[in-house]
Amino acid sequence: MTESFEELADEVARIEERVTDAIFDAVRAQLRADDAGAAGELERRLAKVRRSLVKAEALLRGQPE
């Protein structure tokens, strides 16, 4: 069962990387469009998702929170 937890942790890490990229994309779009409202809200939601994914990965790897 340990192997499957490691695989899940690796998958979560890959998703976290994709969310991080989406955060940067949102910030770049915000800077280009100068639309602080919509892009800022998206950035906050994605940052929250990213933090949750980092916690999930740590838990799957057996690391303390």
C-alpha atoms as a PDB file:
ATOM      1  CA  MET A   1       0.000   0.000   0.000  1.00  0.00           C
ATOM      2  CA  THR A   2       2.949   2.344   0.567  1.00  0.00           C
ATOM      3  CA  GLU A   3       3.712   2.384  -3.145  1.00  0.00           C
ATOM      4  CA  SER A   4       0.218   3.584  -3.989  1.00  0.00           C
ATOM      5  CA  PHE A   5       0.499   6.413  -1.443  1.00  0.00           C
ATOM      6  CA  GLU A   6       3.796   7.456  -3.032  1.00  0.00           C
ATOM      7  CA  GLU A   7       2.194   7.364  -6.461  1.00  0.00           C
ATOM      8  CA  LEU A   8      -0.707   9.457  -5.212  1.00  0.00           C
ATOM      9  CA  ALA A   9       1.713  11.920  -3.626  1.00  0.00           C
ATOM     10  CA  ASP A  10       3.606  12.194  -6.920  1.00  0.00           C
ATOM     11  CA  GLU A  11       0.357  12.805  -8.782  1.00  0.00           C
ATOM     12  CA  VAL A  12      -0.693  15.468  -6.266  1.00  0.00           C
ATOM     13  CA  ALA A  13       2.718  17.116  -6.691  1.00  0.00           C
ATOM     14  CA  ARG A  14       2.205  17.239 -10.465  1.00  0.00           C
ATOM     15  CA  ILE A  15      -1.229  18.802 -10.006  1.00  0.00           C
ATOM     16  CA  GLU A  16       0.260  21.334  -7.578  1.00  0.00           C
ATOM     17  CA  GLU A  17       2.786  22.313 -10.259  1.00  0.00           C
ATOM     18  CA  ARG A  18      -0.046  22.836 -12.759  1.00  0.00           C
ATOM     19  CA  VAL A  19      -1.949  24.985 -10.256  1.00  0.00           C
ATOM     20  CA  THR A  20       1.204  27.028  -9.626  1.00  0.00           C
ATOM     21  CA  ASP A  21       1.490  27.614 -13.380  1.00  0.00           C
ATOM     22  CA  ALA A  22      -2.184  28.669 -13.459  1.00  0.00           C
ATOM     23  CA  ILE A  23      -1.511  31.169 -10.662  1.00  0.00           C
ATOM     24  CA  PHE A  24       1.309  32.741 -12.676  1.00  0.00           C
ATOM     25  CA  ASP A  25      -0.915  32.812 -15.758  1.00  0.00           C
ATOM     26  CA  ALA A  26      -3.649  34.575 -13.755  1.00  0.00           C
ATOM     27  CA  VAL A  27      -1.176  37.158 -12.470  1.00  0.00           C
ATOM     28  CA  ARG A  28       0.179  37.775 -15.971  1.00  0.00           C
ATOM     29  CA  ALA A  29      -3.364  38.165 -17.322  1.00  0.00           C
ATOM     30  CA  GLN A  30      -4.154  40.560 -14.501  1.00  0.00           C
ATOM     31  CA  LEU A  31      -1.124  42.674 -15.349  1.00  0.00           C
ATOM     32  CA  ARG A  32      -1.971  42.705 -19.070  1.00  0.00           C
ATOM     33  CA  ALA A  33      -5.666  43.477 -18.637  1.00  0.00           C
ATOM     34  CA  ASP A  34      -5.260  45.618 -15.542  1.00  0.00           C
ATOM     35  CA  ASP A  35      -8.345  43.805 -14.161  1.00  0.00           C
ATOM     36  CA  ALA A  36      -7.525  43.436 -10.492  1.00  0.00           C
ATOM     37  CA  GLY A  37     -10.956  42.120  -9.517  1.00  0.00           C
ATOM     38  CA  ALA A  38     -11.520  38.965 -11.558  1.00  0.00           C
ATOM     39  CA  ALA A  39      -7.908  37.843 -11.871  1.00  0.00           C
ATOM     40  CA  GLY A  40      -7.214  38.646  -8.221  1.00  0.00           C
ATOM     41  CA  GLU A  41     -10.098  36.460  -7.072  1.00  0.00           C
ATOM     42  CA  LEU A  42      -8.923  33.617  -9.317  1.00  0.00           C
ATOM     43  CA  GLU A  43      -5.389  33.987  -7.975  1.00  0.00           C
ATOM     44  CA  ARG A  44      -6.662  33.764  -4.370  1.00  0.00           C
ATOM     45  CA  ARG A  45      -8.722  30.646  -5.108  1.00  0.00           C
ATOM     46  CA  LEU A  46      -5.844  28.952  -6.906  1.00  0.00           C
ATOM     47  CA  ALA A  47      -3.438  29.822  -4.080  1.00  0.00           C
ATOM     48  CA  LYS A  48      -5.835  28.204  -1.616  1.00  0.00           C
ATOM     49  CA  VAL A  49      -6.046  25.097  -3.813  1.00  0.00           C
ATOM     50  CA  ARG A  50      -2.246  24.992  -4.037  1.00  0.00           C
ATOM     51  CA  ARG A  51      -1.841  25.166  -0.246  1.00  0.00           C
ATOM     52  CA  SER A  52      -4.309  22.307   0.145  1.00  0.00           C
ATOM     53  CA  LEU A  53      -2.434  20.217  -2.409  1.00  0.00           C
ATOM     54  CA  VAL A  54       0.888  20.828  -0.641  1.00  0.00           C
ATOM     55  CA  LYS A  55      -0.696  19.638   2.623  1.00  0.00           C
ATOM     56  CA  ALA A  56      -2.196  16.588   0.914  1.00  0.00           C
ATOM     57  CA  GLU A  57       1.140  15.637  -0.616  1.00  0.00           C
ATOM     58  CA  ALA A  58       2.893  15.922   2.753  1.00  0.00           C
ATOM     59  CA  LEU A  59       0.249  13.788   4.440  1.00  0.00           C
ATOM     60  CA  LEU A  60       0.490  11.122   1.742  1.00  0.00           C
ATOM     61  CA  ARG A  61       4.253  11.015   2.192  1.00  0.00           C
ATOM     62  CA  GLY A  62       3.829  10.643   5.973  1.00  0.00           C
ATOM     63  CA  GLN A  63       5.289  14.044   6.792  1.00  0.00           C
ATOM     64  CA  PRO A  64       3.868  16.183   9.610  1.00  0.00           C
ATOM     65  CA  GLU A  65       1.657  19.093   8.583  1.00  0.00           C
END
